[in-house]
Amino acid sequence: MTEDRVGAASFMLTQDYMAMMTGVQRSSVSSAASSLKRSGLIDYSRGRLTIVDRAGLQRRACECYGVVDAQFQSLRRHAELAST
């Protein structure tokens, strides 16, 4: 989702910030990032995250990505209509 918002496959995002955003401990973020990196889905080093395999990452996220993205797009359309 961050890639969608920033428009680039590589961006700065610290493990501390990801932990704060998701409400989990930093060690959990570190473990998840390591697993995703070993799977070849992301590259992560010194706060720079790069999406290597977007389709694979979306599959790994189950239906969650699609559900949240659809909700975001719906809210975005409503906001655009309200501003016109």
PDB file of N, CA and C in Angstrom:
ATOM      1  N   MET A   1       0.819  -1.194   0.000  1.00  0.00           N
ATOM      2  CA  MET A   1       0.000   0.000   0.000  1.00  0.00           C
ATOM      3  C   MET A   1       0.861   1.254   0.000  1.00  0.00           C
ATOM      4  N   THR A   2       1.991   1.179   0.678  1.00  0.00           N
ATOM      5  CA  THR A   2       2.882   2.337   0.677  1.00  0.00           C
ATOM      6  C   THR A   2       3.402   2.590  -0.730  1.00  0.00           C
ATOM      7  N   GLU A   3       3.715   1.525  -1.457  1.00  0.00           N
ATOM      8  CA  GLU A   3       4.150   1.694  -2.846  1.00  0.00           C
ATOM      9  C   GLU A   3       3.060   2.409  -3.651  1.00  0.00           C
ATOM     10  N   ASP A   4       1.816   2.049  -3.435  1.00  0.00           N
ATOM     11  CA  ASP A   4       0.703   2.709  -4.130  1.00  0.00           C
ATOM     12  C   ASP A   4       0.674   4.204  -3.836  1.00  0.00           C
ATOM     13  N   ARG A   5       0.909   4.564  -2.582  1.00  0.00           N
ATOM     14  CA  ARG A   5       0.791   5.965  -2.176  1.00  0.00           C
ATOM     15  C   ARG A   5       1.981   6.814  -2.629  1.00  0.00           C
ATOM     16  N   VAL A   6       3.187   6.238  -2.588  1.00  0.00           N
ATOM     17  CA  VAL A   6       4.373   7.022  -2.957  1.00  0.00           C
ATOM     18  C   VAL A   6       4.698   6.924  -4.440  1.00  0.00           C
ATOM     19  N   GLY A   7       4.122   5.946  -5.122  1.00  0.00           N
ATOM     20  CA  GLY A   7       4.350   5.812  -6.554  1.00  0.00           C
ATOM     21  C   GLY A   7       5.715   5.282  -6.933  1.00  0.00           C
ATOM     22  N   ALA A   8       6.352   4.556  -6.016  1.00  0.00           N
ATOM     23  CA  ALA A   8       7.672   3.996  -6.296  1.00  0.00           C
ATOM     24  C   ALA A   8       7.830   2.682  -5.546  1.00  0.00           C
ATOM     25  N   ALA A   9       8.592   1.763  -6.130  1.00  0.00           N
ATOM     26  CA  ALA A   9       8.795   0.457  -5.498  1.00  0.00           C
ATOM     27  C   ALA A   9       9.821   0.506  -4.378  1.00  0.00           C
ATOM     28  N   SER A  10      10.552   1.600  -4.248  1.00  0.00           N
ATOM     29  CA  SER A  10      11.567   1.737  -3.213  1.00  0.00           C
ATOM     30  C   SER A  10      11.313   3.016  -2.428  1.00  0.00           C
ATOM     31  N   PHE A  11      11.330   2.910  -1.103  1.00  0.00           N
ATOM     32  CA  PHE A  11      11.025   4.064  -0.264  1.00  0.00           C
ATOM     33  C   PHE A  11      11.609   3.860   1.129  1.00  0.00           C
ATOM     34  N   MET A  12      11.760   4.946   1.854  1.00  0.00           N
ATOM     35  CA  MET A  12      12.268   4.890   3.219  1.00  0.00           C
ATOM     36  C   MET A  12      11.119   4.550   4.165  1.00  0.00           C
ATOM     37  N   LEU A  13      11.330   3.548   5.012  1.00  0.00           N
ATOM     38  CA  LEU A  13      10.324   3.145   5.989  1.00  0.00           C
ATOM     39  C   LEU A  13      11.036   2.333   7.067  1.00  0.00           C
ATOM     40  N   THR A  14      11.162   2.902   8.247  1.00  0.00           N
ATOM     41  CA  THR A  14      11.891   2.211   9.309  1.00  0.00           C
ATOM     42  C   THR A  14      11.038   1.140   9.970  1.00  0.00           C
ATOM     43  N   GLN A  15      11.705   0.186  10.576  1.00  0.00           N
ATOM     44  CA  GLN A  15      10.987  -0.856  11.305  1.00  0.00           C
ATOM     45  C   GLN A  15      10.245  -0.265  12.492  1.00  0.00           C
ATOM     46  N   ASP A  16      10.821   0.746  13.128  1.00  0.00           N
ATOM     47  CA  ASP A  16      10.129   1.399  14.245  1.00  0.00           C
ATOM     48  C   ASP A  16       8.808   2.005  13.784  1.00  0.00           C
ATOM     49  N   TYR A  17       8.830   2.669  12.624  1.00  0.00           N
ATOM     50  CA  TYR A  17       7.610   3.296  12.113  1.00  0.00           C
ATOM     51  C   TYR A  17       6.581   2.242  11.697  1.00  0.00           C
ATOM     52  N   MET A  18       7.044   1.164  11.062  1.00  0.00           N
ATOM     53  CA  MET A  18       6.115   0.083  10.695  1.00  0.00           C
ATOM     54  C   MET A  18       5.477  -0.527  11.937  1.00  0.00           C
ATOM     55  N   ALA A  19       6.254  -0.676  13.001  1.00  0.00           N
ATOM     56  CA  ALA A  19       5.709  -1.219  14.248  1.00  0.00           C
ATOM     57  C   ALA A  19       4.646  -0.285  14.819  1.00  0.00           C
ATOM     58  N   MET A  20       4.917   1.002  14.786  1.00  0.00           N
ATOM     59  CA  MET A  20       3.951   1.977  15.291  1.00  0.00           C
ATOM     60  C   MET A  20       2.673   1.952  14.438  1.00  0.00           C
ATOM     61  N   MET A  21       2.825   1.891  13.107  1.00  0.00           N
ATOM     62  CA  MET A  21       1.667   1.889  12.200  1.00  0.00           C
ATOM     63  C   MET A  21       0.789   0.663  12.402  1.00  0.00           C
ATOM     64  N   THR A  22       1.392  -0.468  12.686  1.00  0.00           N
ATOM     65  CA  THR A  22       0.637  -1.722  12.776  1.00  0.00           C
ATOM     66  C   THR A  22       0.317  -2.148  14.204  1.00  0.00           C
ATOM     67  N   GLY A  23       0.881  -1.450  15.174  1.00  0.00           N
ATOM     68  CA  GLY A  23       0.576  -1.769  16.568  1.00  0.00           C
ATOM     69  C   GLY A  23       1.225  -3.044  17.071  1.00  0.00           C
ATOM     70  N   VAL A  24       2.385  -3.381  16.512  1.00  0.00           N
ATOM     71  CA  VAL A  24       3.115  -4.563  16.966  1.00  0.00           C
ATOM     72  C   VAL A  24       4.503  -4.153  17.423  1.00  0.00           C
ATOM     73  N   GLN A  25       5.209  -5.081  18.046  1.00  0.00           N
ATOM     74  CA  GLN A  25       6.563  -4.789  18.495  1.00  0.00           C
ATOM     75  C   GLN A  25       7.520  -4.757  17.309  1.00  0.00           C
ATOM     76  N   ARG A  26       8.576  -3.977  17.450  1.00  0.00           N
ATOM     77  CA  ARG A  26       9.576  -3.866  16.391  1.00  0.00           C
ATOM     78  C   ARG A  26      10.169  -5.219  16.052  1.00  0.00           C
ATOM     79  N   SER A  27      10.333  -6.078  17.037  1.00  0.00           N
ATOM     80  CA  SER A  27      10.902  -7.401  16.783  1.00  0.00           C
ATOM     81  C   SER A  27       9.995  -8.219  15.864  1.00  0.00           C
ATOM     82  N   SER A  28       8.691  -8.022  15.955  1.00  0.00           N
ATOM     83  CA  SER A  28       7.757  -8.708  15.055  1.00  0.00           C
ATOM     84  C   SER A  28       7.907  -8.205  13.631  1.00  0.00           C
ATOM     85  N   VAL A  29       8.100  -6.888  13.476  1.00  0.00           N
ATOM     86  CA  VAL A  29       8.323  -6.303  12.150  1.00  0.00           C
ATOM     87  C   VAL A  29       9.626  -6.833  11.573  1.00  0.00           C
ATOM     88  N   SER A  30      10.659  -6.889  12.395  1.00  0.00           N
ATOM     89  CA  SER A  30      11.955  -7.387  11.946  1.00  0.00           C
ATOM     90  C   SER A  30      11.841  -8.832  11.462  1.00  0.00           C
ATOM     91  N   SER A  31      11.123  -9.650  12.197  1.00  0.00           N
ATOM     92  CA  SER A  31      10.931 -11.054  11.828  1.00  0.00           C
ATOM     93  C   SER A  31      10.157 -11.173  10.517  1.00  0.00           C
ATOM     94  N   ALA A  32       9.083 -10.396  10.372  1.00  0.00           N
ATOM     95  CA  ALA A  32       8.286 -10.434   9.144  1.00  0.00           C
ATOM     96  C   ALA A  32       9.104  -9.939   7.949  1.00  0.00           C
ATOM     97  N   ALA A  33       9.839  -8.849   8.131  1.00  0.00           N
ATOM     98  CA  ALA A  33      10.659  -8.307   7.044  1.00  0.00           C
ATOM     99  C   ALA A  33      11.719  -9.314   6.628  1.00  0.00           C
ATOM    100  N   SER A  34      12.327  -9.982   7.584  1.00  0.00           N
ATOM    101  CA  SER A  34      13.342 -10.998   7.270  1.00  0.00           C
ATOM    102  C   SER A  34      12.733 -12.143   6.469  1.00  0.00           C
ATOM    103  N   SER A  35      11.543 -12.578   6.857  1.00  0.00           N
ATOM    104  CA  SER A  35      10.868 -13.655   6.147  1.00  0.00           C
ATOM    105  C   SER A  35      10.530 -13.240   4.716  1.00  0.00           C
ATOM    106  N   LEU A  36      10.023 -12.018   4.545  1.00  0.00           N
ATOM    107  CA  LEU A  36       9.679 -11.519   3.206  1.00  0.00           C
ATOM    108  C   LEU A  36      10.929 -11.359   2.345  1.00  0.00           C
ATOM    109  N   LYS A  37      12.020 -10.953   2.969  1.00  0.00           N
ATOM    110  CA  LYS A  37      13.286 -10.799   2.242  1.00  0.00           C
ATOM    111  C   LYS A  37      13.816 -12.161   1.802  1.00  0.00           C
ATOM    112  N   ARG A  38      13.786 -13.149   2.700  1.00  0.00           N
ATOM    113  CA  ARG A  38      14.239 -14.504   2.360  1.00  0.00           C
ATOM    114  C   ARG A  38      13.399 -15.104   1.236  1.00  0.00           C
ATOM    115  N   SER A  39      12.120 -14.743   1.199  1.00  0.00           N
ATOM    116  CA  SER A  39      11.211 -15.246   0.158  1.00  0.00           C
ATOM    117  C   SER A  39      11.393 -14.525  -1.169  1.00  0.00           C
ATOM    118  N   GLY A  40      12.232 -13.486  -1.191  1.00  0.00           N
ATOM    119  CA  GLY A  40      12.490 -12.750  -2.428  1.00  0.00           C
ATOM    120  C   GLY A  40      11.390 -11.758  -2.797  1.00  0.00           C
ATOM    121  N   LEU A  41      10.564 -11.408  -1.821  1.00  0.00           N
ATOM    122  CA  LEU A  41       9.461 -10.487  -2.091  1.00  0.00           C
ATOM    123  C   LEU A  41       9.862  -9.029  -1.899  1.00  0.00           C
ATOM    124  N   ILE A  42      10.762  -8.787  -0.948  1.00  0.00           N
ATOM    125  CA  ILE A  42      11.235  -7.426  -0.684  1.00  0.00           C
ATOM    126  C   ILE A  42      12.739  -7.453  -0.490  1.00  0.00           C
ATOM    127  N   ASP A  43      13.326  -6.274  -0.561  1.00  0.00           N
ATOM    128  CA  ASP A  43      14.690  -6.073  -0.110  1.00  0.00           C
ATOM    129  C   ASP A  43      14.577  -5.003   0.965  1.00  0.00           C
ATOM    130  N   TYR A  44      15.317  -5.158   2.029  1.00  0.00           N
ATOM    131  CA  TYR A  44      15.204  -4.205   3.130  1.00  0.00           C
ATOM    132  C   TYR A  44      16.559  -4.012   3.767  1.00  0.00           C
ATOM    133  N   SER A  45      17.012  -2.761   3.816  1.00  0.00           N
ATOM    134  CA  SER A  45      18.296  -2.470   4.437  1.00  0.00           C
ATOM    135  C   SER A  45      18.331  -1.013   4.880  1.00  0.00           C
ATOM    136  N   ARG A  46      18.702  -0.788   6.128  1.00  0.00           N
ATOM    137  CA  ARG A  46      18.880   0.556   6.678  1.00  0.00           C
ATOM    138  C   ARG A  46      17.688   1.479   6.434  1.00  0.00           C
ATOM    139  N   GLY A  47      16.498   0.951   6.632  1.00  0.00           N
ATOM    140  CA  GLY A  47      15.300   1.772   6.518  1.00  0.00           C
ATOM    141  C   GLY A  47      14.788   1.961   5.102  1.00  0.00           C
ATOM    142  N   ARG A  48      15.464   1.396   4.110  1.00  0.00           N
ATOM    143  CA  ARG A  48      14.986   1.478   2.724  1.00  0.00           C
ATOM    144  C   ARG A  48      14.367   0.140   2.348  1.00  0.00           C
ATOM    145  N   LEU A  49      13.085   0.184   2.019  1.00  0.00           N
ATOM    146  CA  LEU A  49      12.356  -1.007   1.623  1.00  0.00           C
ATOM    147  C   LEU A  49      12.122  -0.949   0.113  1.00  0.00           C
ATOM    148  N   THR A  50      12.385  -2.052  -0.561  1.00  0.00           N
ATOM    149  CA  THR A  50      12.164  -2.147  -1.995  1.00  0.00           C
ATOM    150  C   THR A  50      11.276  -3.358  -2.264  1.00  0.00           C
ATOM    151  N   ILE A  51      10.171  -3.116  -2.958  1.00  0.00           N
ATOM    152  CA  ILE A  51       9.294  -4.205  -3.356  1.00  0.00           C
ATOM    153  C   ILE A  51       9.936  -4.879  -4.567  1.00  0.00           C
ATOM    154  N   VAL A  52      10.297  -6.138  -4.431  1.00  0.00           N
ATOM    155  CA  VAL A  52      10.954  -6.887  -5.492  1.00  0.00           C
ATOM    156  C   VAL A  52       9.924  -7.672  -6.313  1.00  0.00           C
ATOM    157  N   ASP A  53       8.939  -8.239  -5.638  1.00  0.00           N
ATOM    158  CA  ASP A  53       7.917  -9.070  -6.290  1.00  0.00           C
ATOM    159  C   ASP A  53       6.545  -8.642  -5.769  1.00  0.00           C
ATOM    160  N   ARG A  54       5.961  -7.621  -6.415  1.00  0.00           N
ATOM    161  CA  ARG A  54       4.686  -7.064  -5.956  1.00  0.00           C
ATOM    162  C   ARG A  54       3.565  -8.112  -5.990  1.00  0.00           C
ATOM    163  N   ALA A  55       3.463  -8.872  -7.074  1.00  0.00           N
ATOM    164  CA  ALA A  55       2.406  -9.883  -7.188  1.00  0.00           C
ATOM    165  C   ALA A  55       2.542 -10.930  -6.082  1.00  0.00           C
ATOM    166  N   GLY A  56       3.767 -11.355  -5.821  1.00  0.00           N
ATOM    167  CA  GLY A  56       3.994 -12.330  -4.757  1.00  0.00           C
ATOM    168  C   GLY A  56       3.651 -11.762  -3.390  1.00  0.00           C
ATOM    169  N   LEU A  57       3.981 -10.506  -3.186  1.00  0.00           N
ATOM    170  CA  LEU A  57       3.670  -9.852  -1.916  1.00  0.00           C
ATOM    171  C   LEU A  57       2.160  -9.739  -1.724  1.00  0.00           C
ATOM    172  N   GLN A  58       1.445  -9.407  -2.794  1.00  0.00           N
ATOM    173  CA  GLN A  58      -0.015  -9.334  -2.704  1.00  0.00           C
ATOM    174  C   GLN A  58      -0.611 -10.706  -2.416  1.00  0.00           C
ATOM    175  N   ARG A  59      -0.085 -11.747  -3.034  1.00  0.00           N
ATOM    176  CA  ARG A  59      -0.581 -13.106  -2.739  1.00  0.00           C
ATOM    177  C   ARG A  59      -0.344 -13.458  -1.276  1.00  0.00           C
ATOM    178  N   ARG A  60       0.798 -13.070  -0.761  1.00  0.00           N
ATOM    179  CA  ARG A  60       1.153 -13.372   0.633  1.00  0.00           C
ATOM    180  C   ARG A  60       0.226 -12.641   1.601  1.00  0.00           C
ATOM    181  N   ALA A  61      -0.327 -11.501   1.169  1.00  0.00           N
ATOM    182  CA  ALA A  61      -1.209 -10.703   2.022  1.00  0.00           C
ATOM    183  C   ALA A  61      -2.644 -11.221   2.025  1.00  0.00           C
ATOM    184  N   CYS A  62      -2.917 -12.299   1.332  1.00  0.00           N
ATOM    185  CA  CYS A  62      -4.251 -12.881   1.193  1.00  0.00           C
ATOM    186  C   CYS A  62      -5.209 -11.852   0.592  1.00  0.00           C
ATOM    187  N   GLU A  63      -6.466 -11.899   0.998  1.00  0.00           N
ATOM    188  CA  GLU A  63      -7.444 -10.948   0.458  1.00  0.00           C
ATOM    189  C   GLU A  63      -7.342  -9.580   1.120  1.00  0.00           C
ATOM    190  N   CYS A  64      -6.525  -9.456   2.135  1.00  0.00           N
ATOM    191  CA  CYS A  64      -6.433  -8.221   2.914  1.00  0.00           C
ATOM    192  C   CYS A  64      -6.076  -7.014   2.052  1.00  0.00           C
ATOM    193  N   TYR A  65      -5.097  -7.155   1.161  1.00  0.00           N
ATOM    194  CA  TYR A  65      -4.693  -6.031   0.331  1.00  0.00           C
ATOM    195  C   TYR A  65      -5.868  -5.540  -0.507  1.00  0.00           C
ATOM    196  N   GLY A  66      -6.559  -6.430  -1.174  1.00  0.00           N
ATOM    197  CA  GLY A  66      -7.675  -6.060  -2.038  1.00  0.00           C
ATOM    198  C   GLY A  66      -8.801  -5.388  -1.279  1.00  0.00           C
ATOM    199  N   VAL A  67      -9.123  -5.909  -0.111  1.00  0.00           N
ATOM    200  CA  VAL A  67     -10.211  -5.343   0.704  1.00  0.00           C
ATOM    201  C   VAL A  67      -9.860  -3.929   1.154  1.00  0.00           C
ATOM    202  N   VAL A  68      -8.665  -3.742   1.672  1.00  0.00           N
ATOM    203  CA  VAL A  68      -8.255  -2.422   2.156  1.00  0.00           C
ATOM    204  C   VAL A  68      -8.108  -1.450   0.993  1.00  0.00           C
ATOM    205  N   ASP A  69      -7.555  -1.906  -0.132  1.00  0.00           N
ATOM    206  CA  ASP A  69      -7.408  -1.027  -1.289  1.00  0.00           C
ATOM    207  C   ASP A  69      -8.769  -0.586  -1.823  1.00  0.00           C
ATOM    208  N   ALA A  70      -9.725  -1.488  -1.895  1.00  0.00           N
ATOM    209  CA  ALA A  70     -11.076  -1.125  -2.370  1.00  0.00           C
ATOM    210  C   ALA A  70     -11.700  -0.082  -1.452  1.00  0.00           C
ATOM    211  N   GLN A  71     -11.524  -0.241  -0.151  1.00  0.00           N
ATOM    212  CA  GLN A  71     -12.058   0.738   0.800  1.00  0.00           C
ATOM    213  C   GLN A  71     -11.383   2.098   0.625  1.00  0.00           C
ATOM    214  N   PHE A  72     -10.068   2.091   0.447  1.00  0.00           N
ATOM    215  CA  PHE A  72      -9.328   3.338   0.240  1.00  0.00           C
ATOM    216  C   PHE A  72      -9.816   4.041  -1.026  1.00  0.00           C
ATOM    217  N   GLN A  73      -9.964   3.288  -2.121  1.00  0.00           N
ATOM    218  CA  GLN A  73     -10.412   3.886  -3.381  1.00  0.00           C
ATOM    219  C   GLN A  73     -11.822   4.456  -3.244  1.00  0.00           C
ATOM    220  N   SER A  74     -12.679   3.771  -2.516  1.00  0.00           N
ATOM    221  CA  SER A  74     -14.039   4.261  -2.289  1.00  0.00           C
ATOM    222  C   SER A  74     -14.016   5.578  -1.510  1.00  0.00           C
ATOM    223  N   LEU A  75     -13.235   5.639  -0.465  1.00  0.00           N
ATOM    224  CA  LEU A  75     -13.120   6.871   0.323  1.00  0.00           C
ATOM    225  C   LEU A  75     -12.528   7.995  -0.508  1.00  0.00           C
ATOM    226  N   ARG A  76     -11.583   7.662  -1.346  1.00  0.00           N
ATOM    227  CA  ARG A  76     -10.953   8.662  -2.211  1.00  0.00           C
ATOM    228  C   ARG A  76     -11.974   9.248  -3.192  1.00  0.00           C
ATOM    229  N   ARG A  77     -12.795   8.371  -3.805  1.00  0.00           N
ATOM    230  CA  ARG A  77     -13.827   8.851  -4.736  1.00  0.00           C
ATOM    231  C   ARG A  77     -14.822   9.748  -4.024  1.00  0.00           C
ATOM    232  N   HIS A  78     -15.247   9.377  -2.817  1.00  0.00           N
ATOM    233  CA  HIS A  78     -16.194  10.190  -2.047  1.00  0.00           C
ATOM    234  C   HIS A  78     -15.594  11.563  -1.728  1.00  0.00           C
ATOM    235  N   ALA A  79     -14.316  11.573  -1.373  1.00  0.00           N
ATOM    236  CA  ALA A  79     -13.648  12.850  -1.053  1.00  0.00           C
ATOM    237  C   ALA A  79     -13.558  13.729  -2.283  1.00  0.00           C
ATOM    238  N   GLU A  80     -13.261  13.124  -3.438  1.00  0.00           N
ATOM    239  CA  GLU A  80     -13.178  13.909  -4.671  1.00  0.00           C
ATOM    240  C   GLU A  80     -14.536  14.474  -5.053  1.00  0.00           C
ATOM    241  N   LEU A  81     -15.595  13.692  -4.884  1.00  0.00           N
ATOM    242  CA  LEU A  81     -16.937  14.181  -5.195  1.00  0.00           C
ATOM    243  C   LEU A  81     -17.352  15.289  -4.255  1.00  0.00           C
ATOM    244  N   ALA A  82     -16.978  15.170  -3.009  1.00  0.00           N
ATOM    245  CA  ALA A  82     -17.340  16.183  -2.002  1.00  0.00           C
ATOM    246  C   ALA A  82     -16.620  17.509  -2.254  1.00  0.00           C
ATOM    247  N   SER A  83     -15.449  17.439  -2.880  1.00  0.00           N
ATOM    248  CA  SER A  83     -14.671  18.658  -3.107  1.00  0.00           C
ATOM    249  C   SER A  83     -15.056  19.379  -4.405  1.00  0.00           C
ATOM    250  N   THR A  84     -15.935  18.769  -5.197  1.00  0.00           N
ATOM    251  CA  THR A  84     -16.332  19.422  -6.461  1.00  0.00           C
ATOM    252  C   THR A  84     -17.611  20.202  -6.325  1.00  0.00           C
TER     253      THR A  84
END
